[in-house]
Amino acid sequence: MSQTTPSLPEFEEIAETMSYLPDLDAKYQFLIDLSKRLPLIQDEEETDDFRVWGCQSSVWIVPFHPEENGQVLNFRGKSDSVLVSGIISTVLSLYQNKTPEDILALDAQTELKRLDLESHLSPSRRNGLTGMIERIREYATEAMMRRS
């Protein structure tokens, strides 16, 4: 399986598209469409090592260094829910091709507020979104520790 993430759109593209969508149903449909672009994990990666806890759905996020640039982190993910897979795609697009330092400096909550999604998510989905961000930040911290 390829470990590149060419199919994920840039976060700015997602934010711009979401700003034009007329209603919540259109936004959810867009997230479902994004789920089809999620770089999926391999079956053997569906372990507790990569699990995101606190999500209502089962979610896994796997970090990797792309072959073309070992200084940055990218991620693959999976969920048993297509809507959550779209949310994962959105979160991963925010962090793709960033160094661990850039990941830790990024205020993901502020960036994601631009999408006006959180107010439409159930409390358990909001917890899951927070869990995804925390897990990615843990991966970035671990990557920095391995380099030092």
N, C-alpha and C. Protein backbone atom coordinates (compact mmCIF):
# COMPACT_ATOMS: atom_id res chain seq x y z
N MET A 1 0.84 -1.18 0.00
CA MET A 1 0.00 0.00 0.00
C MET A 1 0.88 1.24 0.00
N SER A 2 0.54 2.19 -0.82
CA SER A 2 1.28 3.44 -0.88
C SER A 2 1.06 4.23 0.40
N GLN A 3 2.11 4.91 0.84
CA GLN A 3 1.98 5.69 2.06
C GLN A 3 1.87 7.18 1.77
N THR A 4 1.69 7.57 0.55
CA THR A 4 1.54 8.99 0.24
C THR A 4 0.09 9.39 0.43
N THR A 5 -0.13 10.69 0.51
CA THR A 5 -1.48 11.19 0.72
C THR A 5 -1.87 12.15 -0.40
N PRO A 6 -1.69 11.77 -1.66
CA PRO A 6 -2.00 12.71 -2.73
C PRO A 6 -3.49 12.97 -2.88
N SER A 7 -4.33 12.08 -2.40
CA SER A 7 -5.76 12.25 -2.62
C SER A 7 -6.42 13.20 -1.63
N LEU A 8 -5.76 13.50 -0.53
CA LEU A 8 -6.35 14.45 0.42
C LEU A 8 -6.23 15.87 -0.13
N PRO A 9 -7.33 16.60 -0.15
CA PRO A 9 -7.22 18.00 -0.57
C PRO A 9 -6.52 18.83 0.50
N GLU A 10 -6.05 19.98 0.11
CA GLU A 10 -5.48 20.91 1.09
C GLU A 10 -6.60 21.39 2.03
N PHE A 11 -6.24 21.68 3.26
CA PHE A 11 -7.23 22.15 4.23
C PHE A 11 -7.91 23.42 3.74
N GLU A 12 -7.15 24.32 3.13
CA GLU A 12 -7.74 25.57 2.63
C GLU A 12 -8.83 25.31 1.60
N GLU A 13 -8.63 24.30 0.77
CA GLU A 13 -9.65 23.93 -0.22
C GLU A 13 -10.91 23.43 0.47
N ILE A 14 -10.72 22.63 1.52
CA ILE A 14 -11.88 22.13 2.28
C ILE A 14 -12.61 23.30 2.94
N ALA A 15 -11.86 24.20 3.57
CA ALA A 15 -12.48 25.34 4.25
C ALA A 15 -13.25 26.21 3.26
N GLU A 16 -12.68 26.45 2.09
CA GLU A 16 -13.36 27.28 1.09
C GLU A 16 -14.64 26.60 0.61
N THR A 17 -14.55 25.31 0.32
CA THR A 17 -15.74 24.58 -0.14
C THR A 17 -16.83 24.59 0.93
N MET A 18 -16.46 24.34 2.18
CA MET A 18 -17.45 24.32 3.26
C MET A 18 -18.13 25.67 3.42
N SER A 19 -17.39 26.76 3.17
CA SER A 19 -17.98 28.09 3.32
C SER A 19 -19.06 28.36 2.28
N TYR A 20 -19.01 27.68 1.15
CA TYR A 20 -19.99 27.89 0.09
C TYR A 20 -21.20 26.98 0.20
N LEU A 21 -21.11 25.94 0.99
CA LEU A 21 -22.21 24.98 1.06
C LEU A 21 -23.40 25.59 1.79
N PRO A 22 -24.61 25.39 1.25
CA PRO A 22 -25.76 26.13 1.73
C PRO A 22 -26.35 25.68 3.06
N ASP A 23 -26.15 24.40 3.43
CA ASP A 23 -26.79 23.92 4.65
C ASP A 23 -26.02 22.73 5.22
N LEU A 24 -26.51 22.28 6.37
CA LEU A 24 -25.84 21.20 7.07
C LEU A 24 -25.84 19.90 6.26
N ASP A 25 -26.94 19.62 5.58
CA ASP A 25 -26.99 18.40 4.77
C ASP A 25 -25.91 18.41 3.69
N ALA A 26 -25.69 19.55 3.06
CA ALA A 26 -24.65 19.66 2.03
C ALA A 26 -23.26 19.49 2.64
N LYS A 27 -23.07 20.02 3.84
CA LYS A 27 -21.77 19.86 4.52
C LYS A 27 -21.52 18.40 4.88
N TYR A 28 -22.55 17.73 5.38
CA TYR A 28 -22.40 16.30 5.70
C TYR A 28 -22.12 15.49 4.44
N GLN A 29 -22.80 15.81 3.35
CA GLN A 29 -22.55 15.09 2.10
C GLN A 29 -21.11 15.32 1.63
N PHE A 30 -20.61 16.55 1.79
CA PHE A 30 -19.23 16.85 1.43
C PHE A 30 -18.26 16.02 2.28
N LEU A 31 -18.54 15.90 3.58
CA LEU A 31 -17.70 15.07 4.46
C LEU A 31 -17.73 13.61 4.02
N ILE A 32 -18.90 13.14 3.65
CA ILE A 32 -19.01 11.75 3.18
C ILE A 32 -18.18 11.58 1.90
N ASP A 33 -18.23 12.58 1.02
CA ASP A 33 -17.42 12.52 -0.20
C ASP A 33 -15.93 12.53 0.14
N LEU A 34 -15.54 13.34 1.14
CA LEU A 34 -14.14 13.38 1.57
C LEU A 34 -13.69 12.04 2.12
N SER A 35 -14.61 11.29 2.72
CA SER A 35 -14.24 10.00 3.30
C SER A 35 -13.67 9.06 2.24
N LYS A 36 -14.07 9.23 1.01
CA LYS A 36 -13.59 8.37 -0.07
C LYS A 36 -12.15 8.70 -0.45
N ARG A 37 -11.64 9.83 0.02
CA ARG A 37 -10.27 10.24 -0.29
C ARG A 37 -9.31 9.98 0.86
N LEU A 38 -9.81 9.39 1.93
CA LEU A 38 -9.00 9.11 3.11
C LEU A 38 -7.97 8.03 2.82
N PRO A 39 -6.68 8.32 3.04
CA PRO A 39 -5.67 7.26 2.90
C PRO A 39 -5.88 6.23 4.02
N LEU A 40 -6.25 5.03 3.64
CA LEU A 40 -6.64 4.02 4.62
C LEU A 40 -5.45 3.31 5.22
N ILE A 41 -5.66 2.87 6.45
CA ILE A 41 -4.65 2.07 7.13
C ILE A 41 -4.74 0.63 6.62
N GLN A 42 -3.71 -0.12 6.92
CA GLN A 42 -3.71 -1.54 6.59
C GLN A 42 -4.39 -2.31 7.71
N ASP A 43 -4.94 -3.47 7.38
CA ASP A 43 -5.68 -4.24 8.37
C ASP A 43 -4.86 -4.52 9.63
N GLU A 44 -3.57 -4.80 9.46
CA GLU A 44 -2.73 -5.13 10.62
C GLU A 44 -2.45 -3.89 11.49
N GLU A 45 -2.81 -2.70 11.02
CA GLU A 45 -2.61 -1.48 11.81
C GLU A 45 -3.84 -1.17 12.68
N GLU A 46 -4.90 -1.94 12.55
CA GLU A 46 -6.09 -1.74 13.38
C GLU A 46 -5.84 -2.32 14.76
N THR A 47 -4.92 -1.70 15.47
CA THR A 47 -4.55 -2.16 16.82
C THR A 47 -4.74 -1.01 17.80
N ASP A 48 -4.69 -1.34 19.07
CA ASP A 48 -4.82 -0.31 20.10
C ASP A 48 -3.69 0.71 20.02
N ASP A 49 -2.53 0.33 19.44
CA ASP A 49 -1.42 1.27 19.31
C ASP A 49 -1.81 2.50 18.49
N PHE A 50 -2.74 2.33 17.56
CA PHE A 50 -3.13 3.42 16.66
C PHE A 50 -4.56 3.87 16.87
N ARG A 51 -5.21 3.34 17.86
CA ARG A 51 -6.62 3.66 18.14
C ARG A 51 -6.72 5.05 18.74
N VAL A 52 -7.77 5.74 18.37
CA VAL A 52 -8.10 7.04 18.96
C VAL A 52 -9.22 6.79 19.95
N TRP A 53 -8.93 6.99 21.21
CA TRP A 53 -9.92 6.73 22.25
C TRP A 53 -10.79 7.96 22.45
N GLY A 54 -12.01 7.75 22.90
CA GLY A 54 -12.93 8.84 23.15
C GLY A 54 -13.90 9.08 22.02
N CYS A 55 -13.75 8.33 20.94
CA CYS A 55 -14.65 8.46 19.80
C CYS A 55 -15.81 7.48 19.96
N GLN A 56 -16.99 7.90 19.56
CA GLN A 56 -18.14 7.00 19.55
C GLN A 56 -17.92 5.89 18.54
N SER A 57 -17.37 6.23 17.39
CA SER A 57 -17.03 5.25 16.36
C SER A 57 -15.63 4.73 16.61
N SER A 58 -15.31 3.61 15.98
CA SER A 58 -13.94 3.11 16.03
C SER A 58 -13.09 3.94 15.08
N VAL A 59 -11.98 4.47 15.58
CA VAL A 59 -11.10 5.32 14.78
C VAL A 59 -9.66 4.93 15.03
N TRP A 60 -8.90 4.84 13.94
CA TRP A 60 -7.47 4.61 14.00
C TRP A 60 -6.78 5.66 13.15
N ILE A 61 -5.67 6.18 13.64
CA ILE A 61 -4.83 7.11 12.88
C ILE A 61 -3.39 6.61 12.98
N VAL A 62 -2.76 6.45 11.82
CA VAL A 62 -1.40 5.90 11.75
C VAL A 62 -0.48 6.96 11.16
N PRO A 63 0.59 7.32 11.89
CA PRO A 63 1.55 8.29 11.36
C PRO A 63 2.59 7.61 10.47
N PHE A 64 3.13 8.36 9.53
CA PHE A 64 4.26 7.87 8.74
C PHE A 64 5.01 9.06 8.17
N HIS A 65 6.26 8.81 7.83
CA HIS A 65 7.09 9.81 7.15
C HIS A 65 7.06 9.49 5.66
N PRO A 66 6.64 10.44 4.83
CA PRO A 66 6.65 10.15 3.39
C PRO A 66 8.07 9.93 2.88
N GLU A 67 8.20 9.07 1.90
CA GLU A 67 9.52 8.75 1.36
C GLU A 67 10.26 9.97 0.85
N GLU A 68 9.52 10.92 0.29
CA GLU A 68 10.17 12.08 -0.32
C GLU A 68 10.63 13.12 0.69
N ASN A 69 10.16 13.05 1.95
CA ASN A 69 10.56 14.03 2.96
C ASN A 69 10.37 13.42 4.35
N GLY A 70 11.44 12.90 4.90
CA GLY A 70 11.39 12.26 6.21
C GLY A 70 11.27 13.21 7.37
N GLN A 71 11.30 14.52 7.11
CA GLN A 71 11.18 15.50 8.19
C GLN A 71 9.73 15.80 8.55
N VAL A 72 8.81 15.49 7.66
CA VAL A 72 7.41 15.79 7.92
C VAL A 72 6.66 14.51 8.28
N LEU A 73 5.52 14.71 8.90
CA LEU A 73 4.64 13.59 9.22
C LEU A 73 3.40 13.66 8.33
N ASN A 74 2.93 12.51 7.94
CA ASN A 74 1.63 12.38 7.30
C ASN A 74 0.89 11.28 8.03
N PHE A 75 -0.36 11.12 7.72
CA PHE A 75 -1.20 10.19 8.47
C PHE A 75 -2.16 9.46 7.54
N ARG A 76 -2.50 8.25 7.94
CA ARG A 76 -3.57 7.47 7.33
C ARG A 76 -4.60 7.22 8.42
N GLY A 77 -5.83 6.96 8.04
CA GLY A 77 -6.84 6.73 9.06
C GLY A 77 -7.94 5.81 8.61
N LYS A 78 -8.79 5.46 9.57
CA LYS A 78 -9.92 4.59 9.28
C LYS A 78 -10.96 4.76 10.37
N SER A 79 -12.22 4.66 9.96
CA SER A 79 -13.32 4.61 10.90
C SER A 79 -14.38 3.68 10.36
N ASP A 80 -15.24 3.20 11.25
CA ASP A 80 -16.36 2.37 10.81
C ASP A 80 -17.56 3.22 10.40
N SER A 81 -17.42 4.53 10.42
CA SER A 81 -18.48 5.46 10.03
C SER A 81 -17.99 6.33 8.87
N VAL A 82 -18.79 6.44 7.81
CA VAL A 82 -18.36 7.27 6.67
C VAL A 82 -18.30 8.74 7.05
N LEU A 83 -19.22 9.21 7.88
CA LEU A 83 -19.18 10.61 8.30
C LEU A 83 -17.91 10.88 9.11
N VAL A 84 -17.59 10.00 10.03
CA VAL A 84 -16.37 10.17 10.83
C VAL A 84 -15.14 10.05 9.94
N SER A 85 -15.17 9.19 8.94
CA SER A 85 -14.05 9.10 8.00
C SER A 85 -13.84 10.43 7.28
N GLY A 86 -14.93 11.12 6.96
CA GLY A 86 -14.82 12.46 6.37
C GLY A 86 -14.22 13.46 7.34
N ILE A 87 -14.58 13.35 8.60
CA ILE A 87 -13.99 14.23 9.62
C ILE A 87 -12.50 13.93 9.75
N ILE A 88 -12.15 12.65 9.74
CA ILE A 88 -10.73 12.27 9.80
C ILE A 88 -9.99 12.87 8.61
N SER A 89 -10.56 12.76 7.42
CA SER A 89 -9.93 13.34 6.23
C SER A 89 -9.67 14.83 6.41
N THR A 90 -10.64 15.52 6.98
CA THR A 90 -10.50 16.96 7.21
C THR A 90 -9.38 17.25 8.19
N VAL A 91 -9.35 16.51 9.30
CA VAL A 91 -8.30 16.71 10.30
C VAL A 91 -6.93 16.38 9.72
N LEU A 92 -6.83 15.27 9.00
CA LEU A 92 -5.54 14.90 8.43
C LEU A 92 -5.07 15.91 7.40
N SER A 93 -5.99 16.50 6.65
CA SER A 93 -5.58 17.51 5.66
C SER A 93 -4.97 18.74 6.35
N LEU A 94 -5.43 19.02 7.55
CA LEU A 94 -4.89 20.14 8.32
C LEU A 94 -3.44 19.89 8.71
N TYR A 95 -3.09 18.65 8.96
CA TYR A 95 -1.76 18.30 9.46
C TYR A 95 -0.81 17.74 8.41
N GLN A 96 -1.30 17.41 7.22
CA GLN A 96 -0.44 16.73 6.25
C GLN A 96 0.76 17.57 5.86
N ASN A 97 1.88 16.89 5.68
CA ASN A 97 3.14 17.49 5.23
C ASN A 97 3.67 18.57 6.17
N LYS A 98 3.42 18.42 7.46
CA LYS A 98 3.95 19.36 8.45
C LYS A 98 5.00 18.65 9.31
N THR A 99 5.95 19.42 9.77
CA THR A 99 6.93 18.87 10.69
C THR A 99 6.27 18.67 12.06
N PRO A 100 6.85 17.84 12.90
CA PRO A 100 6.28 17.71 14.25
C PRO A 100 6.18 19.05 14.98
N GLU A 101 7.17 19.92 14.78
CA GLU A 101 7.13 21.23 15.43
C GLU A 101 5.95 22.06 14.92
N ASP A 102 5.71 22.00 13.61
CA ASP A 102 4.58 22.75 13.04
C ASP A 102 3.25 22.19 13.53
N ILE A 103 3.18 20.88 13.67
CA ILE A 103 1.96 20.25 14.17
C ILE A 103 1.65 20.73 15.58
N LEU A 104 2.69 20.77 16.43
CA LEU A 104 2.47 21.20 17.81
C LEU A 104 2.17 22.68 17.92
N ALA A 105 2.64 23.48 16.97
CA ALA A 105 2.39 24.92 17.00
C ALA A 105 1.01 25.29 16.43
N LEU A 106 0.41 24.38 15.70
CA LEU A 106 -0.86 24.65 15.04
C LEU A 106 -2.02 24.64 16.03
N ASP A 107 -2.85 25.66 15.97
CA ASP A 107 -4.05 25.72 16.80
C ASP A 107 -5.19 25.10 15.99
N ALA A 108 -5.30 23.79 16.07
CA ALA A 108 -6.26 23.06 15.24
C ALA A 108 -7.70 23.46 15.55
N GLN A 109 -8.02 23.68 16.80
CA GLN A 109 -9.39 24.05 17.15
C GLN A 109 -9.81 25.33 16.45
N THR A 110 -8.92 26.31 16.42
CA THR A 110 -9.22 27.58 15.75
C THR A 110 -9.41 27.36 14.25
N GLU A 111 -8.51 26.58 13.65
CA GLU A 111 -8.62 26.31 12.21
C GLU A 111 -9.92 25.58 11.89
N LEU A 112 -10.26 24.59 12.69
CA LEU A 112 -11.46 23.80 12.43
C LEU A 112 -12.74 24.59 12.67
N LYS A 113 -12.70 25.60 13.52
CA LYS A 113 -13.88 26.45 13.75
C LYS A 113 -14.30 27.17 12.47
N ARG A 114 -13.34 27.38 11.57
CA ARG A 114 -13.65 28.02 10.30
C ARG A 114 -14.64 27.20 9.48
N LEU A 115 -14.73 25.90 9.76
CA LEU A 115 -15.61 25.02 9.01
C LEU A 115 -17.03 25.02 9.57
N ASP A 116 -17.22 25.59 10.75
CA ASP A 116 -18.53 25.63 11.41
C ASP A 116 -19.13 24.23 11.53
N LEU A 117 -18.29 23.29 11.90
CA LEU A 117 -18.76 21.91 12.06
C LEU A 117 -19.10 21.57 13.49
N GLU A 118 -18.27 22.03 14.40
CA GLU A 118 -18.38 21.58 15.78
C GLU A 118 -19.75 21.82 16.38
N SER A 119 -20.36 22.94 16.01
CA SER A 119 -21.68 23.24 16.58
C SER A 119 -22.75 22.27 16.09
N HIS A 120 -22.46 21.54 15.01
CA HIS A 120 -23.42 20.59 14.46
C HIS A 120 -23.10 19.14 14.82
N LEU A 121 -22.02 18.93 15.54
CA LEU A 121 -21.63 17.57 15.92
C LEU A 121 -22.20 17.23 17.29
N SER A 122 -22.54 15.97 17.47
CA SER A 122 -22.99 15.52 18.78
C SER A 122 -21.83 15.62 19.77
N PRO A 123 -22.13 15.66 21.07
CA PRO A 123 -21.04 15.73 22.06
C PRO A 123 -20.03 14.59 21.90
N SER A 124 -20.49 13.37 21.58
CA SER A 124 -19.54 12.27 21.44
C SER A 124 -18.66 12.45 20.20
N ARG A 125 -19.20 13.02 19.12
CA ARG A 125 -18.38 13.29 17.93
C ARG A 125 -17.39 14.42 18.21
N ARG A 126 -17.80 15.43 18.98
CA ARG A 126 -16.86 16.50 19.37
C ARG A 126 -15.73 15.93 20.21
N ASN A 127 -16.06 15.01 21.13
CA ASN A 127 -15.02 14.35 21.92
C ASN A 127 -14.08 13.58 21.02
N GLY A 128 -14.63 12.91 20.02
CA GLY A 128 -13.82 12.17 19.07
C GLY A 128 -12.90 13.07 18.28
N LEU A 129 -13.40 14.22 17.86
CA LEU A 129 -12.58 15.20 17.13
C LEU A 129 -11.42 15.67 18.01
N THR A 130 -11.71 15.97 19.26
CA THR A 130 -10.66 16.37 20.20
C THR A 130 -9.66 15.23 20.38
N GLY A 131 -10.15 14.00 20.47
CA GLY A 131 -9.26 12.84 20.60
C GLY A 131 -8.34 12.68 19.41
N MET A 132 -8.85 12.93 18.20
CA MET A 132 -8.01 12.85 17.00
C MET A 132 -6.88 13.87 17.06
N ILE A 133 -7.21 15.09 17.42
CA ILE A 133 -6.21 16.15 17.51
C ILE A 133 -5.16 15.80 18.56
N GLU A 134 -5.61 15.34 19.73
CA GLU A 134 -4.67 14.97 20.80
C GLU A 134 -3.76 13.83 20.36
N ARG A 135 -4.32 12.85 19.64
CA ARG A 135 -3.52 11.70 19.20
C ARG A 135 -2.45 12.13 18.20
N ILE A 136 -2.82 13.00 17.28
CA ILE A 136 -1.85 13.51 16.30
C ILE A 136 -0.76 14.30 17.01
N ARG A 137 -1.12 15.08 18.00
CA ARG A 137 -0.12 15.84 18.76
C ARG A 137 0.81 14.88 19.53
N GLU A 138 0.26 13.78 20.03
CA GLU A 138 1.11 12.77 20.69
C GLU A 138 2.11 12.19 19.70
N TYR A 139 1.66 11.88 18.49
CA TYR A 139 2.56 11.36 17.46
C TYR A 139 3.66 12.36 17.15
N ALA A 140 3.30 13.64 17.07
CA ALA A 140 4.31 14.68 16.78
C ALA A 140 5.32 14.77 17.91
N THR A 141 4.87 14.72 19.14
CA THR A 141 5.77 14.76 20.29
C THR A 141 6.70 13.56 20.28
N GLU A 142 6.16 12.37 20.01
CA GLU A 142 6.98 11.17 19.94
C GLU A 142 8.04 11.28 18.84
N ALA A 143 7.66 11.83 17.70
CA ALA A 143 8.61 11.99 16.57
C ALA A 143 9.73 12.95 16.96
N MET A 144 9.40 14.01 17.67
CA MET A 144 10.43 14.96 18.11
C MET A 144 11.37 14.31 19.12
N MET A 145 10.83 13.50 20.01
CA MET A 145 11.66 12.83 21.01
C MET A 145 12.60 11.83 20.37
N ARG A 146 12.14 11.15 19.33
CA ARG A 146 13.00 10.17 18.64
C ARG A 146 14.15 10.88 17.91
N ARG A 147 13.93 12.10 17.47
CA ARG A 147 14.99 12.84 16.75
C ARG A 147 16.03 13.39 17.69
N SER A 148 15.67 13.64 18.95
CA SER A 148 16.65 14.26 19.86
C SER A 148 17.47 13.27 20.62
